[in-house]
Amino acid sequence: MRDEAVGVLRRYALLGQSEAGGLAMHRLVQAVYRDGMGEGEAQGWVVATGHWLHGAYDFDQYDMNTWPAAGRLFLHVTGSRSEAERLGVVNGQVAELNNSVGFYLNQYGQSQEARPYYARALAIREKVLGAEHPHTALSLNNMGALLDSMGELAEARPYYARALAIRERCWGRSTPTRPSA
């Protein structure tokens, strides 16, 4: 049954071979399938997709070897992030995906495009982790650095100040370490 369905979808060019060797489904088929799901099932898929992408999306600013793979997954990450927002899925992985997309865009000089992703990561981390969590401080610092790089120092200062205050409360004034994303 599965092979027959795959064969039919391939004949109509609705299913093909992906660059990675797997199957690639046409967006129309995705939309029809997604529209047939209930909200609970769709949320479950968004959580599962976010979990997979969180593990697969390995973008490291200091390792240019990770940049091409991150670029190939970029549309999937942004699509998953949009679906999560549409369905109200709020968790640490969604925050991390938003942060990663913001970071990626910022590294490629797309600061304005990065801003809403950093803002969403911060909002989720404040909601899920709390206003005093080290990862919230990381998001605050990222937003401050982004605004600073855009020449908006006055707007960046409150983000930097909040991030510093959280870090000092967590680790004291003399600890130079920071949490990993």
N, C-alpha and C. Protein backbone atom coordinates (compact mmCIF):
# COMPACT_ATOMS: atom_id res chain seq x y z
N MET A 1 0.83 -1.19 0.00
CA MET A 1 0.00 0.00 0.00
C MET A 1 0.88 1.26 0.00
N ARG A 2 1.89 1.29 0.91
CA ARG A 2 2.78 2.45 1.00
C ARG A 2 3.52 2.66 -0.31
N ASP A 3 4.10 1.59 -0.85
CA ASP A 3 4.86 1.69 -2.09
C ASP A 3 3.98 2.17 -3.24
N GLU A 4 2.72 1.70 -3.27
CA GLU A 4 1.80 2.13 -4.31
C GLU A 4 1.51 3.63 -4.18
N ALA A 5 1.29 4.10 -2.97
CA ALA A 5 1.02 5.53 -2.74
C ALA A 5 2.23 6.36 -3.13
N VAL A 6 3.42 5.91 -2.75
CA VAL A 6 4.65 6.63 -3.10
C VAL A 6 4.80 6.67 -4.62
N GLY A 7 4.50 5.55 -5.29
CA GLY A 7 4.60 5.50 -6.75
C GLY A 7 3.67 6.50 -7.43
N VAL A 8 2.44 6.58 -6.94
CA VAL A 8 1.48 7.52 -7.51
C VAL A 8 1.95 8.95 -7.31
N LEU A 9 2.40 9.27 -6.10
CA LEU A 9 2.88 10.62 -5.82
C LEU A 9 4.10 10.97 -6.67
N ARG A 10 4.98 10.00 -6.91
CA ARG A 10 6.15 10.25 -7.76
C ARG A 10 5.74 10.50 -9.21
N ARG A 11 4.76 9.72 -9.71
CA ARG A 11 4.31 9.90 -11.10
C ARG A 11 3.76 11.30 -11.34
N TYR A 12 3.12 11.87 -10.34
CA TYR A 12 2.56 13.22 -10.48
C TYR A 12 3.52 14.29 -9.98
N ALA A 13 4.76 13.93 -9.75
CA ALA A 13 5.82 14.85 -9.31
C ALA A 13 5.46 15.54 -8.00
N LEU A 14 4.73 14.84 -7.15
CA LEU A 14 4.39 15.38 -5.83
C LEU A 14 5.32 14.84 -4.76
N LEU A 15 6.14 13.89 -5.14
CA LEU A 15 7.13 13.32 -4.24
C LEU A 15 8.36 13.02 -5.07
N GLY A 16 9.50 13.42 -4.58
CA GLY A 16 10.73 13.20 -5.33
C GLY A 16 11.89 12.90 -4.41
N GLN A 17 13.07 12.91 -4.97
CA GLN A 17 14.29 12.63 -4.24
C GLN A 17 14.84 13.93 -3.68
N SER A 18 15.20 13.94 -2.41
CA SER A 18 15.81 15.13 -1.81
C SER A 18 17.30 15.12 -2.10
N GLU A 19 17.94 16.26 -1.87
CA GLU A 19 19.39 16.37 -2.06
C GLU A 19 20.14 15.41 -1.15
N ALA A 20 19.57 15.13 0.01
CA ALA A 20 20.24 14.27 0.98
C ALA A 20 19.97 12.79 0.73
N GLY A 21 19.16 12.49 -0.31
CA GLY A 21 18.90 11.10 -0.63
C GLY A 21 17.59 10.58 -0.07
N GLY A 22 16.87 11.36 0.68
CA GLY A 22 15.57 10.96 1.22
C GLY A 22 14.45 11.38 0.28
N LEU A 23 13.25 11.41 0.82
CA LEU A 23 12.10 11.83 0.03
C LEU A 23 11.79 13.29 0.27
N ALA A 24 11.40 13.97 -0.78
CA ALA A 24 11.00 15.37 -0.68
C ALA A 24 9.56 15.48 -1.16
N MET A 25 8.69 15.98 -0.28
CA MET A 25 7.27 16.08 -0.59
C MET A 25 6.93 17.48 -1.10
N HIS A 26 6.15 17.54 -2.15
CA HIS A 26 5.71 18.81 -2.72
C HIS A 26 4.92 19.58 -1.66
N ARG A 27 5.06 20.89 -1.68
CA ARG A 27 4.40 21.74 -0.68
C ARG A 27 2.87 21.61 -0.72
N LEU A 28 2.32 21.35 -1.87
CA LEU A 28 0.87 21.18 -1.99
C LEU A 28 0.42 19.95 -1.18
N VAL A 29 1.16 18.86 -1.31
CA VAL A 29 0.83 17.65 -0.55
C VAL A 29 1.00 17.93 0.94
N GLN A 30 2.05 18.64 1.30
CA GLN A 30 2.24 19.00 2.71
C GLN A 30 1.06 19.80 3.23
N ALA A 31 0.61 20.78 2.44
CA ALA A 31 -0.49 21.65 2.87
C ALA A 31 -1.78 20.85 3.03
N VAL A 32 -2.08 19.96 2.08
CA VAL A 32 -3.29 19.15 2.17
C VAL A 32 -3.24 18.27 3.41
N TYR A 33 -2.11 17.63 3.64
CA TYR A 33 -1.97 16.77 4.81
C TYR A 33 -2.09 17.59 6.09
N ARG A 34 -1.42 18.73 6.14
CA ARG A 34 -1.45 19.58 7.32
C ARG A 34 -2.86 20.09 7.60
N ASP A 35 -3.59 20.46 6.54
CA ASP A 35 -4.95 20.96 6.72
C ASP A 35 -5.90 19.89 7.24
N GLY A 36 -5.57 18.63 6.98
CA GLY A 36 -6.42 17.53 7.46
C GLY A 36 -6.16 17.13 8.90
N MET A 37 -5.13 17.67 9.48
CA MET A 37 -4.80 17.35 10.88
C MET A 37 -5.64 18.18 11.83
N GLY A 38 -5.90 17.59 12.97
CA GLY A 38 -6.47 18.38 14.05
C GLY A 38 -5.38 19.21 14.70
N GLU A 39 -5.76 20.18 15.52
CA GLU A 39 -4.77 21.06 16.13
C GLU A 39 -3.80 20.30 17.04
N GLY A 40 -4.32 19.33 17.77
CA GLY A 40 -3.46 18.55 18.67
C GLY A 40 -2.41 17.75 17.90
N GLU A 41 -2.83 17.12 16.81
CA GLU A 41 -1.88 16.35 15.99
C GLU A 41 -0.85 17.29 15.37
N ALA A 42 -1.30 18.44 14.89
CA ALA A 42 -0.38 19.41 14.28
C ALA A 42 0.64 19.90 15.31
N GLN A 43 0.19 20.17 16.52
CA GLN A 43 1.12 20.59 17.58
C GLN A 43 2.13 19.49 17.88
N GLY A 44 1.67 18.25 17.90
CA GLY A 44 2.59 17.13 18.12
C GLY A 44 3.66 17.05 17.05
N TRP A 45 3.26 17.26 15.79
CA TRP A 45 4.23 17.24 14.69
C TRP A 45 5.20 18.41 14.79
N VAL A 46 4.70 19.57 15.19
CA VAL A 46 5.58 20.73 15.34
C VAL A 46 6.61 20.47 16.43
N VAL A 47 6.18 19.88 17.53
CA VAL A 47 7.12 19.56 18.62
C VAL A 47 8.15 18.54 18.14
N ALA A 48 7.69 17.49 17.44
CA ALA A 48 8.62 16.46 16.94
C ALA A 48 9.60 17.05 15.93
N THR A 49 9.08 17.87 15.02
CA THR A 49 9.94 18.50 14.01
C THR A 49 10.95 19.44 14.68
N GLY A 50 10.48 20.21 15.65
CA GLY A 50 11.37 21.11 16.38
C GLY A 50 12.47 20.34 17.09
N HIS A 51 12.11 19.20 17.66
CA HIS A 51 13.11 18.37 18.35
C HIS A 51 14.16 17.87 17.36
N TRP A 52 13.70 17.37 16.21
CA TRP A 52 14.64 16.87 15.21
C TRP A 52 15.53 18.00 14.68
N LEU A 53 14.91 19.13 14.32
CA LEU A 53 15.69 20.24 13.78
C LEU A 53 16.66 20.81 14.81
N HIS A 54 16.23 20.84 16.06
CA HIS A 54 17.12 21.34 17.12
C HIS A 54 18.40 20.52 17.15
N GLY A 55 18.29 19.21 16.96
CA GLY A 55 19.46 18.35 16.94
C GLY A 55 20.26 18.44 15.64
N ALA A 56 19.56 18.67 14.53
CA ALA A 56 20.21 18.67 13.22
C ALA A 56 20.80 20.01 12.83
N TYR A 57 20.21 21.10 13.32
CA TYR A 57 20.63 22.43 12.91
C TYR A 57 21.85 22.83 13.74
N ASP A 58 23.01 22.54 13.22
CA ASP A 58 24.26 22.77 13.94
C ASP A 58 25.01 23.91 13.26
N PHE A 59 24.66 25.12 13.66
CA PHE A 59 25.33 26.29 13.09
C PHE A 59 26.27 26.86 14.13
N ASP A 60 27.54 26.88 13.79
CA ASP A 60 28.56 27.40 14.69
C ASP A 60 29.28 28.54 13.99
N GLN A 61 29.16 29.75 14.53
CA GLN A 61 29.78 30.91 13.89
C GLN A 61 31.28 30.77 13.73
N TYR A 62 31.91 29.98 14.57
CA TYR A 62 33.36 29.84 14.53
C TYR A 62 33.82 28.69 13.64
N ASP A 63 32.88 27.90 13.14
CA ASP A 63 33.23 26.77 12.28
C ASP A 63 32.49 26.91 10.95
N MET A 64 33.17 27.45 9.96
CA MET A 64 32.52 27.70 8.68
C MET A 64 32.08 26.41 7.99
N ASN A 65 32.60 25.26 8.43
CA ASN A 65 32.17 23.99 7.86
C ASN A 65 30.70 23.70 8.18
N THR A 66 30.16 24.31 9.23
CA THR A 66 28.75 24.08 9.59
C THR A 66 27.80 24.98 8.82
N TRP A 67 28.29 26.01 8.18
CA TRP A 67 27.43 26.99 7.52
C TRP A 67 26.62 26.41 6.35
N PRO A 68 27.23 25.62 5.45
CA PRO A 68 26.42 25.08 4.33
C PRO A 68 25.27 24.19 4.79
N ALA A 69 25.52 23.33 5.77
CA ALA A 69 24.45 22.46 6.27
C ALA A 69 23.34 23.28 6.91
N ALA A 70 23.71 24.31 7.64
CA ALA A 70 22.71 25.19 8.25
C ALA A 70 21.89 25.88 7.17
N GLY A 71 22.54 26.28 6.11
CA GLY A 71 21.83 26.91 5.00
C GLY A 71 20.83 25.98 4.35
N ARG A 72 21.19 24.70 4.21
CA ARG A 72 20.27 23.73 3.60
C ARG A 72 19.05 23.49 4.47
N LEU A 73 19.20 23.58 5.78
CA LEU A 73 18.07 23.37 6.70
C LEU A 73 17.32 24.65 7.02
N PHE A 74 17.82 25.78 6.57
CA PHE A 74 17.27 27.06 6.96
C PHE A 74 15.77 27.18 6.70
N LEU A 75 15.31 26.82 5.50
CA LEU A 75 13.89 26.92 5.19
C LEU A 75 13.05 26.00 6.08
N HIS A 76 13.59 24.84 6.42
CA HIS A 76 12.87 23.92 7.30
C HIS A 76 12.75 24.52 8.70
N VAL A 77 13.84 25.11 9.16
CA VAL A 77 13.84 25.72 10.49
C VAL A 77 12.86 26.88 10.55
N THR A 78 12.89 27.74 9.55
CA THR A 78 11.98 28.89 9.56
C THR A 78 10.53 28.43 9.41
N GLY A 79 10.29 27.40 8.62
CA GLY A 79 8.94 26.87 8.47
C GLY A 79 8.43 26.27 9.76
N SER A 80 9.27 25.50 10.43
CA SER A 80 8.90 24.91 11.71
C SER A 80 8.64 25.99 12.74
N ARG A 81 9.46 27.00 12.73
CA ARG A 81 9.31 28.12 13.67
C ARG A 81 7.99 28.84 13.43
N SER A 82 7.62 29.04 12.16
CA SER A 82 6.35 29.71 11.82
C SER A 82 5.15 28.87 12.25
N GLU A 83 5.22 27.57 12.01
CA GLU A 83 4.14 26.68 12.43
C GLU A 83 4.01 26.66 13.95
N ALA A 84 5.13 26.64 14.64
CA ALA A 84 5.10 26.66 16.10
C ALA A 84 4.42 27.93 16.60
N GLU A 85 4.75 29.04 15.98
CA GLU A 85 4.14 30.30 16.39
C GLU A 85 2.64 30.30 16.08
N ARG A 86 2.27 29.81 14.90
CA ARG A 86 0.87 29.77 14.49
C ARG A 86 0.04 28.91 15.43
N LEU A 87 0.61 27.79 15.89
CA LEU A 87 -0.11 26.85 16.73
C LEU A 87 0.08 27.12 18.23
N GLY A 88 0.88 28.12 18.56
CA GLY A 88 1.09 28.45 19.97
C GLY A 88 1.99 27.48 20.72
N VAL A 89 2.87 26.78 19.99
CA VAL A 89 3.82 25.86 20.63
C VAL A 89 4.98 26.69 21.17
N VAL A 90 5.15 26.65 22.48
CA VAL A 90 6.18 27.44 23.15
C VAL A 90 6.98 26.51 24.03
N ASN A 91 8.24 26.30 23.67
CA ASN A 91 9.13 25.49 24.50
C ASN A 91 10.58 25.90 24.23
N GLY A 92 11.48 25.30 24.95
CA GLY A 92 12.89 25.66 24.84
C GLY A 92 13.46 25.42 23.45
N GLN A 93 13.00 24.37 22.78
CA GLN A 93 13.52 24.10 21.44
C GLN A 93 13.06 25.14 20.43
N VAL A 94 11.83 25.60 20.56
CA VAL A 94 11.35 26.65 19.66
C VAL A 94 12.14 27.93 19.92
N ALA A 95 12.42 28.21 21.18
CA ALA A 95 13.25 29.38 21.51
C ALA A 95 14.63 29.25 20.87
N GLU A 96 15.20 28.06 20.99
CA GLU A 96 16.54 27.84 20.43
C GLU A 96 16.54 27.95 18.90
N LEU A 97 15.49 27.44 18.25
CA LEU A 97 15.40 27.57 16.79
C LEU A 97 15.31 29.04 16.39
N ASN A 98 14.51 29.82 17.12
CA ASN A 98 14.43 31.25 16.83
C ASN A 98 15.78 31.91 17.02
N ASN A 99 16.46 31.57 18.10
CA ASN A 99 17.78 32.13 18.37
C ASN A 99 18.76 31.75 17.26
N SER A 100 18.73 30.50 16.83
CA SER A 100 19.65 30.03 15.79
C SER A 100 19.41 30.73 14.47
N VAL A 101 18.13 30.91 14.11
CA VAL A 101 17.82 31.60 12.86
C VAL A 101 18.28 33.06 12.95
N GLY A 102 18.01 33.70 14.09
CA GLY A 102 18.46 35.08 14.27
C GLY A 102 19.97 35.18 14.15
N PHE A 103 20.65 34.25 14.77
CA PHE A 103 22.11 34.24 14.74
C PHE A 103 22.61 34.04 13.31
N TYR A 104 22.02 33.09 12.60
CA TYR A 104 22.41 32.81 11.22
C TYR A 104 22.23 34.04 10.34
N LEU A 105 21.04 34.64 10.43
CA LEU A 105 20.77 35.83 9.61
C LEU A 105 21.72 36.97 9.95
N ASN A 106 21.97 37.16 11.23
CA ASN A 106 22.88 38.22 11.65
C ASN A 106 24.29 37.98 11.12
N GLN A 107 24.74 36.74 11.14
CA GLN A 107 26.08 36.42 10.63
C GLN A 107 26.19 36.73 9.14
N TYR A 108 25.07 36.63 8.42
CA TYR A 108 25.07 36.92 7.00
C TYR A 108 24.68 38.37 6.70
N GLY A 109 24.74 39.23 7.72
CA GLY A 109 24.52 40.65 7.53
C GLY A 109 23.08 41.06 7.36
N GLN A 110 22.16 40.22 7.78
CA GLN A 110 20.73 40.52 7.65
C GLN A 110 20.16 40.85 9.02
N SER A 111 20.65 41.93 9.59
CA SER A 111 20.30 42.30 10.96
C SER A 111 18.81 42.57 11.14
N GLN A 112 18.21 43.31 10.24
CA GLN A 112 16.78 43.61 10.36
C GLN A 112 15.95 42.33 10.34
N GLU A 113 16.33 41.39 9.49
CA GLU A 113 15.61 40.13 9.40
C GLU A 113 15.83 39.27 10.65
N ALA A 114 16.98 39.41 11.29
CA ALA A 114 17.31 38.64 12.49
C ALA A 114 16.52 39.12 13.71
N ARG A 115 16.19 40.38 13.73
CA ARG A 115 15.59 40.98 14.93
C ARG A 115 14.32 40.28 15.42
N PRO A 116 13.33 39.97 14.57
CA PRO A 116 12.13 39.31 15.10
C PRO A 116 12.42 37.91 15.65
N TYR A 117 13.42 37.24 15.10
CA TYR A 117 13.77 35.91 15.61
C TYR A 117 14.38 36.01 17.01
N TYR A 118 15.28 36.96 17.19
CA TYR A 118 15.86 37.18 18.52
C TYR A 118 14.78 37.61 19.51
N ALA A 119 13.87 38.46 19.07
CA ALA A 119 12.79 38.93 19.95
C ALA A 119 11.90 37.77 20.37
N ARG A 120 11.58 36.88 19.43
CA ARG A 120 10.73 35.73 19.75
C ARG A 120 11.47 34.77 20.69
N ALA A 121 12.75 34.53 20.46
CA ALA A 121 13.53 33.67 21.35
C ALA A 121 13.50 34.23 22.77
N LEU A 122 13.70 35.52 22.89
CA LEU A 122 13.68 36.17 24.21
C LEU A 122 12.32 36.02 24.87
N ALA A 123 11.25 36.28 24.13
CA ALA A 123 9.90 36.19 24.70
C ALA A 123 9.60 34.78 25.18
N ILE A 124 9.99 33.79 24.40
CA ILE A 124 9.74 32.39 24.79
C ILE A 124 10.57 32.04 26.02
N ARG A 125 11.84 32.40 26.02
CA ARG A 125 12.69 32.07 27.17
C ARG A 125 12.19 32.74 28.44
N GLU A 126 11.72 33.97 28.35
CA GLU A 126 11.17 34.63 29.54
C GLU A 126 9.93 33.89 30.03
N LYS A 127 9.11 33.42 29.11
CA LYS A 127 7.88 32.72 29.49
C LYS A 127 8.17 31.32 30.04
N VAL A 128 9.03 30.58 29.35
CA VAL A 128 9.29 29.18 29.71
C VAL A 128 10.29 29.05 30.85
N LEU A 129 11.37 29.81 30.80
CA LEU A 129 12.45 29.68 31.77
C LEU A 129 12.39 30.71 32.89
N GLY A 130 11.77 31.83 32.62
CA GLY A 130 11.70 32.90 33.61
C GLY A 130 12.64 34.03 33.27
N ALA A 131 12.37 35.18 33.86
CA ALA A 131 13.13 36.39 33.56
C ALA A 131 14.55 36.37 34.10
N GLU A 132 14.87 35.46 35.01
CA GLU A 132 16.19 35.45 35.65
C GLU A 132 17.06 34.26 35.23
N HIS A 133 16.66 33.53 34.21
CA HIS A 133 17.41 32.34 33.79
C HIS A 133 18.63 32.73 32.94
N PRO A 134 19.72 31.98 33.04
CA PRO A 134 20.91 32.28 32.23
C PRO A 134 20.66 32.28 30.72
N HIS A 135 19.77 31.41 30.23
CA HIS A 135 19.48 31.42 28.80
C HIS A 135 18.65 32.64 28.41
N THR A 136 17.86 33.15 29.33
CA THR A 136 17.17 34.42 29.09
C THR A 136 18.21 35.53 28.98
N ALA A 137 19.21 35.48 29.84
CA ALA A 137 20.30 36.47 29.77
C ALA A 137 21.02 36.38 28.43
N LEU A 138 21.21 35.17 27.93
CA LEU A 138 21.85 34.99 26.63
C LEU A 138 21.02 35.66 25.53
N SER A 139 19.70 35.47 25.57
CA SER A 139 18.83 36.11 24.58
C SER A 139 18.86 37.63 24.71
N LEU A 140 18.89 38.12 25.94
CA LEU A 140 19.00 39.56 26.16
C LEU A 140 20.29 40.10 25.57
N ASN A 141 21.38 39.38 25.81
CA ASN A 141 22.67 39.80 25.28
C ASN A 141 22.69 39.76 23.75
N ASN A 142 22.09 38.72 23.17
CA ASN A 142 22.03 38.63 21.71
C ASN A 142 21.27 39.81 21.12
N MET A 143 20.15 40.15 21.75
CA MET A 143 19.36 41.28 21.25
C MET A 143 20.15 42.58 21.41
N GLY A 144 20.82 42.74 22.55
CA GLY A 144 21.65 43.92 22.74
C GLY A 144 22.75 44.02 21.72
N ALA A 145 23.43 42.91 21.45
CA ALA A 145 24.52 42.90 20.46
C ALA A 145 23.99 43.22 19.06
N LEU A 146 22.84 42.66 18.73
CA LEU A 146 22.24 42.94 17.42
C LEU A 146 21.93 44.43 17.28
N LEU A 147 21.27 44.99 18.28
CA LEU A 147 20.93 46.41 18.22
C LEU A 147 22.18 47.28 18.20
N ASP A 148 23.17 46.89 18.97
CA ASP A 148 24.45 47.60 19.00
C ASP A 148 25.08 47.60 17.61
N SER A 149 25.09 46.44 16.95
CA SER A 149 25.69 46.34 15.61
C SER A 149 24.90 47.13 14.57
N MET A 150 23.63 47.40 14.86
CA MET A 150 22.79 48.18 13.95
C MET A 150 22.90 49.68 14.24
N GLY A 151 23.74 50.03 15.22
CA GLY A 151 23.93 51.43 15.55
C GLY A 151 22.88 51.98 16.50
N GLU A 152 22.11 51.12 17.13
CA GLU A 152 21.04 51.53 18.04
C GLU A 152 21.48 51.29 19.49
N LEU A 153 22.56 51.96 19.87
CA LEU A 153 23.17 51.74 21.18
C LEU A 153 22.21 52.07 22.33
N ALA A 154 21.47 53.16 22.22
CA ALA A 154 20.54 53.53 23.30
C ALA A 154 19.50 52.44 23.52
N GLU A 155 19.05 51.82 22.44
CA GLU A 155 18.07 50.75 22.55
C GLU A 155 18.72 49.46 23.05
N ALA A 156 20.01 49.27 22.76
CA ALA A 156 20.72 48.07 23.17
C ALA A 156 21.03 48.05 24.66
N ARG A 157 21.29 49.22 25.24
CA ARG A 157 21.73 49.31 26.65
C ARG A 157 20.85 48.56 27.64
N PRO A 158 19.50 48.72 27.59
CA PRO A 158 18.68 48.00 28.58
C PRO A 158 18.80 46.48 28.47
N TYR A 159 18.98 45.97 27.25
CA TYR A 159 19.15 44.53 27.07
C TYR A 159 20.48 44.08 27.70
N TYR A 160 21.53 44.82 27.41
CA TYR A 160 22.84 44.51 28.00
C TYR A 160 22.77 44.59 29.53
N ALA A 161 22.12 45.62 30.05
CA ALA A 161 22.05 45.81 31.50
C ALA A 161 21.31 44.65 32.17
N ARG A 162 20.18 44.24 31.59
CA ARG A 162 19.43 43.11 32.16
C ARG A 162 20.24 41.83 32.10
N ALA A 163 20.92 41.60 30.96
CA ALA A 163 21.72 40.38 30.81
C ALA A 163 22.84 40.36 31.85
N LEU A 164 23.52 41.47 32.02
CA LEU A 164 24.60 41.55 33.00
C LEU A 164 24.09 41.32 34.42
N ALA A 165 22.96 41.92 34.75
CA ALA A 165 22.40 41.75 36.10
C ALA A 165 22.06 40.29 36.38
N ILE A 166 21.49 39.60 35.40
CA ILE A 166 21.16 38.18 35.58
C ILE A 166 22.43 37.37 35.76
N ARG A 167 23.42 37.61 34.94
CA ARG A 167 24.68 36.86 35.04
C ARG A 167 25.37 37.10 36.37
N GLU A 168 25.35 38.33 36.84
CA GLU A 168 25.97 38.62 38.13
C GLU A 168 25.22 37.93 39.26
N ARG A 169 23.89 37.88 39.19
CA ARG A 169 23.11 37.17 40.21
C ARG A 169 23.37 35.67 40.17
N CYS A 170 23.55 35.14 38.97
CA CYS A 170 23.77 33.69 38.82
C CYS A 170 25.18 33.26 39.19
N TRP A 171 26.18 34.04 38.77
CA TRP A 171 27.57 33.60 38.90
C TRP A 171 28.46 34.57 39.65
N GLY A 172 27.95 35.69 40.07
CA GLY A 172 28.79 36.66 40.74
C GLY A 172 29.43 37.61 39.75
N ARG A 173 30.11 38.60 40.29
CA ARG A 173 30.67 39.65 39.43
C ARG A 173 31.94 39.24 38.71
N SER A 174 32.69 38.30 39.25
CA SER A 174 34.00 38.01 38.67
C SER A 174 34.03 36.79 37.75
N THR A 175 32.91 36.10 37.56
CA THR A 175 32.90 34.91 36.75
C THR A 175 32.77 35.26 35.27
N PRO A 176 33.78 34.92 34.45
CA PRO A 176 33.74 35.31 33.04
C PRO A 176 32.95 34.34 32.16
N THR A 177 32.48 33.21 32.71
CA THR A 177 31.84 32.22 31.87
C THR A 177 30.41 32.63 31.51
N ARG A 178 29.94 32.02 30.45
CA ARG A 178 28.58 32.27 30.01
C ARG A 178 27.96 30.92 29.66
N PRO A 179 26.64 30.84 29.67
CA PRO A 179 26.00 29.55 29.33
C PRO A 179 26.09 29.30 27.84
N SER A 180 26.07 28.03 27.46
CA SER A 180 25.95 27.74 26.04
C SER A 180 24.49 27.89 25.67
N ALA A 181 24.25 28.22 24.39
CA ALA A 181 22.87 28.48 23.92
C ALA A 181 21.99 27.33 24.26
